[in-house]
Amino acid sequence: MKIQVVTDAEGRILSIHQPGDIGHSPSGIGRAGIVAAPGQRVHVMDLPKALQDKPILELHQQYLVRLEGNSPRLIQAKEYKGPLQGE
């Protein structure tokens, strides 16, 4: 499943969105999206199958987006080593 994730510059998740049609009947016409504010980033990525049943709140609280490399990916916050966690 594809998701759009808005993060701050450190990779903290601010918003998670599943792109798709608006309304009850998908039309292929109406689409909604996200616009990042200054200092934020929008990433489109595949949500790993193991995380697809987790509540959105849990993803916000326990995961970050790794901003390094060509493909952003979700990592558990405890794996993150950076200015938000004492480094």
N, C-alpha and C. Protein backbone atom coordinates (compact mmCIF):
# COMPACT_ATOMS: atom_id res chain seq x y z
N MET A 1 0.85 -1.16 0.00
CA MET A 1 0.00 0.00 0.00
C MET A 1 0.90 1.24 0.00
N LYS A 2 0.62 2.17 -0.90
CA LYS A 2 1.35 3.44 -0.98
C LYS A 2 0.80 4.41 0.06
N ILE A 3 1.70 5.13 0.70
CA ILE A 3 1.29 6.19 1.63
C ILE A 3 2.11 7.44 1.34
N GLN A 4 1.55 8.58 1.71
CA GLN A 4 2.29 9.84 1.72
C GLN A 4 2.50 10.20 3.17
N VAL A 5 3.73 10.56 3.49
CA VAL A 5 4.07 10.91 4.87
C VAL A 5 4.70 12.29 4.87
N VAL A 6 4.19 13.17 5.70
CA VAL A 6 4.80 14.48 5.90
C VAL A 6 5.66 14.39 7.15
N THR A 7 6.92 14.84 7.03
CA THR A 7 7.83 14.82 8.16
C THR A 7 8.43 16.20 8.36
N ASP A 8 9.00 16.39 9.55
CA ASP A 8 9.82 17.57 9.74
C ASP A 8 11.21 17.24 9.20
N ALA A 9 12.14 18.14 9.33
CA ALA A 9 13.48 17.93 8.78
C ALA A 9 14.23 16.79 9.46
N GLU A 10 13.80 16.40 10.65
CA GLU A 10 14.45 15.32 11.39
C GLU A 10 13.81 13.95 11.15
N GLY A 11 12.74 13.90 10.38
CA GLY A 11 12.09 12.63 10.09
C GLY A 11 10.91 12.29 10.97
N ARG A 12 10.56 13.18 11.92
CA ARG A 12 9.38 12.92 12.75
C ARG A 12 8.13 13.00 11.89
N ILE A 13 7.24 12.05 12.06
CA ILE A 13 6.02 11.98 11.27
C ILE A 13 5.02 13.01 11.77
N LEU A 14 4.55 13.85 10.85
CA LEU A 14 3.55 14.86 11.16
C LEU A 14 2.18 14.46 10.62
N SER A 15 2.18 13.74 9.50
CA SER A 15 0.92 13.36 8.86
C SER A 15 1.15 12.12 8.01
N ILE A 16 0.16 11.24 7.99
CA ILE A 16 0.17 10.07 7.12
C ILE A 16 -1.12 10.07 6.33
N HIS A 17 -0.99 9.84 5.04
CA HIS A 17 -2.14 9.92 4.15
C HIS A 17 -2.04 8.78 3.13
N GLN A 18 -3.15 8.14 2.84
CA GLN A 18 -3.19 7.15 1.77
C GLN A 18 -3.80 7.82 0.55
N PRO A 19 -3.00 8.07 -0.49
CA PRO A 19 -3.53 8.75 -1.67
C PRO A 19 -4.65 7.95 -2.30
N GLY A 20 -5.61 8.65 -2.85
CA GLY A 20 -6.70 7.96 -3.53
C GLY A 20 -7.85 8.88 -3.83
N ASP A 21 -8.89 8.29 -4.34
CA ASP A 21 -10.08 9.04 -4.70
C ASP A 21 -10.81 9.54 -3.48
N ILE A 22 -11.56 10.61 -3.69
CA ILE A 22 -12.39 11.20 -2.64
C ILE A 22 -13.80 10.67 -2.80
N GLY A 23 -14.46 10.42 -1.71
CA GLY A 23 -15.86 10.04 -1.77
C GLY A 23 -16.08 8.54 -1.68
N HIS A 24 -17.35 8.15 -1.81
CA HIS A 24 -17.73 6.77 -1.62
C HIS A 24 -17.44 5.91 -2.85
N SER A 25 -17.49 6.49 -4.02
CA SER A 25 -17.31 5.74 -5.25
C SER A 25 -16.08 6.26 -6.00
N PRO A 26 -14.98 5.49 -6.01
CA PRO A 26 -13.78 5.97 -6.69
C PRO A 26 -14.06 6.27 -8.16
N SER A 27 -13.64 7.43 -8.60
CA SER A 27 -13.91 7.88 -9.96
C SER A 27 -12.67 7.97 -10.82
N GLY A 28 -11.50 8.04 -10.19
CA GLY A 28 -10.29 8.27 -10.94
C GLY A 28 -10.10 9.73 -11.29
N ILE A 29 -11.03 10.58 -10.90
CA ILE A 29 -10.95 12.01 -11.23
C ILE A 29 -10.55 12.82 -10.00
N GLY A 30 -11.35 12.74 -8.94
CA GLY A 30 -11.09 13.53 -7.74
C GLY A 30 -9.95 12.96 -6.95
N ARG A 31 -8.96 13.77 -6.65
CA ARG A 31 -7.81 13.34 -5.86
C ARG A 31 -7.54 14.36 -4.77
N ALA A 32 -7.01 13.90 -3.67
CA ALA A 32 -6.60 14.79 -2.59
C ALA A 32 -5.12 14.57 -2.36
N GLY A 33 -4.46 15.58 -1.88
CA GLY A 33 -3.03 15.45 -1.63
C GLY A 33 -2.60 16.30 -0.47
N ILE A 34 -1.30 16.37 -0.28
CA ILE A 34 -0.72 17.07 0.85
C ILE A 34 0.28 18.08 0.32
N VAL A 35 0.30 19.24 0.92
CA VAL A 35 1.30 20.25 0.60
C VAL A 35 2.10 20.50 1.87
N ALA A 36 3.40 20.36 1.77
CA ALA A 36 4.27 20.55 2.94
C ALA A 36 4.49 22.03 3.20
N ALA A 37 4.57 22.37 4.47
CA ALA A 37 4.90 23.73 4.90
C ALA A 37 6.43 23.89 4.84
N PRO A 38 6.92 25.11 4.92
CA PRO A 38 8.38 25.30 4.95
C PRO A 38 9.01 24.48 6.07
N GLY A 39 10.11 23.80 5.76
CA GLY A 39 10.80 22.97 6.73
C GLY A 39 10.26 21.55 6.83
N GLN A 40 9.21 21.25 6.09
CA GLN A 40 8.63 19.90 6.08
C GLN A 40 8.94 19.23 4.75
N ARG A 41 8.79 17.92 4.72
CA ARG A 41 9.02 17.13 3.51
C ARG A 41 7.87 16.16 3.32
N VAL A 42 7.54 15.89 2.07
CA VAL A 42 6.51 14.89 1.75
C VAL A 42 7.21 13.72 1.07
N HIS A 43 6.95 12.52 1.57
CA HIS A 43 7.54 11.29 1.02
C HIS A 43 6.40 10.37 0.58
N VAL A 44 6.56 9.78 -0.58
CA VAL A 44 5.65 8.73 -1.03
C VAL A 44 6.41 7.43 -0.91
N MET A 45 5.83 6.48 -0.20
CA MET A 45 6.53 5.21 0.04
C MET A 45 5.54 4.07 0.18
N ASP A 46 6.07 2.87 0.10
CA ASP A 46 5.26 1.68 0.36
C ASP A 46 5.24 1.44 1.86
N LEU A 47 4.06 1.25 2.42
CA LEU A 47 3.94 0.88 3.83
C LEU A 47 4.20 -0.61 3.92
N PRO A 48 5.22 -1.02 4.67
CA PRO A 48 5.52 -2.45 4.78
C PRO A 48 4.29 -3.24 5.24
N LYS A 49 4.13 -4.42 4.67
CA LYS A 49 2.97 -5.26 4.97
C LYS A 49 2.83 -5.50 6.47
N ALA A 50 3.94 -5.64 7.17
CA ALA A 50 3.91 -5.90 8.62
C ALA A 50 3.32 -4.72 9.40
N LEU A 51 3.30 -3.53 8.81
CA LEU A 51 2.79 -2.35 9.52
C LEU A 51 1.39 -1.95 9.08
N GLN A 52 0.83 -2.61 8.08
CA GLN A 52 -0.45 -2.18 7.52
C GLN A 52 -1.63 -2.30 8.47
N ASP A 53 -1.55 -3.15 9.48
CA ASP A 53 -2.65 -3.29 10.43
C ASP A 53 -2.45 -2.47 11.70
N LYS A 54 -1.33 -1.78 11.80
CA LYS A 54 -1.07 -0.96 12.99
C LYS A 54 -1.92 0.31 12.94
N PRO A 55 -2.40 0.76 14.09
CA PRO A 55 -3.14 2.03 14.12
C PRO A 55 -2.23 3.19 13.70
N ILE A 56 -2.81 4.16 13.00
CA ILE A 56 -2.06 5.32 12.54
C ILE A 56 -1.34 6.01 13.71
N LEU A 57 -2.00 6.13 14.85
CA LEU A 57 -1.39 6.78 16.00
C LEU A 57 -0.11 6.08 16.41
N GLU A 58 -0.10 4.75 16.35
CA GLU A 58 1.10 3.99 16.70
C GLU A 58 2.24 4.30 15.73
N LEU A 59 1.93 4.43 14.45
CA LEU A 59 2.97 4.79 13.48
C LEU A 59 3.55 6.15 13.82
N HIS A 60 2.69 7.11 14.17
CA HIS A 60 3.15 8.46 14.54
C HIS A 60 4.05 8.41 15.76
N GLN A 61 3.69 7.61 16.75
CA GLN A 61 4.40 7.60 18.03
C GLN A 61 5.68 6.76 18.01
N GLN A 62 5.71 5.71 17.20
CA GLN A 62 6.80 4.75 17.30
C GLN A 62 7.73 4.69 16.10
N TYR A 63 7.44 5.46 15.05
CA TYR A 63 8.25 5.38 13.84
C TYR A 63 8.68 6.76 13.37
N LEU A 64 9.76 6.77 12.63
CA LEU A 64 10.30 7.95 11.97
C LEU A 64 10.54 7.58 10.51
N VAL A 65 10.75 8.59 9.69
CA VAL A 65 11.13 8.34 8.30
C VAL A 65 12.62 8.61 8.19
N ARG A 66 13.36 7.62 7.74
CA ARG A 66 14.79 7.80 7.51
C ARG A 66 14.93 8.60 6.23
N LEU A 67 15.58 9.74 6.32
CA LEU A 67 15.67 10.67 5.20
C LEU A 67 16.91 10.46 4.34
N GLU A 68 17.77 9.54 4.71
CA GLU A 68 19.01 9.31 3.98
C GLU A 68 18.77 8.33 2.84
N GLY A 69 19.57 8.46 1.80
CA GLY A 69 19.46 7.53 0.68
C GLY A 69 18.40 7.93 -0.32
N ASN A 70 18.20 7.10 -1.33
CA ASN A 70 17.26 7.40 -2.40
C ASN A 70 15.82 7.10 -2.05
N SER A 71 15.60 6.14 -1.18
CA SER A 71 14.24 5.72 -0.84
C SER A 71 13.97 5.94 0.63
N PRO A 72 13.07 6.85 0.98
CA PRO A 72 12.72 7.01 2.40
C PRO A 72 12.04 5.76 2.91
N ARG A 73 12.28 5.44 4.18
CA ARG A 73 11.63 4.27 4.77
C ARG A 73 11.33 4.53 6.23
N LEU A 74 10.35 3.79 6.73
CA LEU A 74 9.99 3.89 8.14
C LEU A 74 10.98 3.11 8.98
N ILE A 75 11.41 3.70 10.08
CA ILE A 75 12.26 3.00 11.04
C ILE A 75 11.64 3.21 12.42
N GLN A 76 11.88 2.27 13.31
CA GLN A 76 11.40 2.44 14.68
C GLN A 76 12.17 3.58 15.32
N ALA A 77 11.48 4.38 16.10
CA ALA A 77 12.09 5.56 16.72
C ALA A 77 13.29 5.18 17.58
N LYS A 78 13.27 4.03 18.21
CA LYS A 78 14.39 3.64 19.07
C LYS A 78 15.66 3.39 18.25
N GLU A 79 15.52 3.14 16.93
CA GLU A 79 16.69 2.95 16.06
C GLU A 79 17.30 4.28 15.64
N TYR A 80 16.55 5.36 15.79
CA TYR A 80 16.98 6.66 15.31
C TYR A 80 18.07 7.22 16.19
N LYS A 81 19.13 7.65 15.58
CA LYS A 81 20.22 8.30 16.31
C LYS A 81 20.38 9.69 15.72
N GLY A 82 19.93 10.68 16.43
CA GLY A 82 20.02 12.04 15.92
C GLY A 82 19.73 13.05 16.98
N PRO A 83 19.59 14.30 16.59
CA PRO A 83 19.46 15.38 17.57
C PRO A 83 18.20 15.30 18.42
N LEU A 84 17.18 14.59 17.96
CA LEU A 84 15.96 14.50 18.76
C LEU A 84 16.08 13.49 19.90
N GLN A 85 17.10 12.63 19.82
CA GLN A 85 17.24 11.61 20.84
C GLN A 85 18.63 11.61 21.47
N GLY A 86 19.18 12.80 21.64
CA GLY A 86 20.37 12.94 22.45
C GLY A 86 21.69 12.85 21.73
N GLU A 87 21.71 12.71 20.42
CA GLU A 87 23.01 12.64 19.76
C GLU A 87 23.38 13.97 19.16
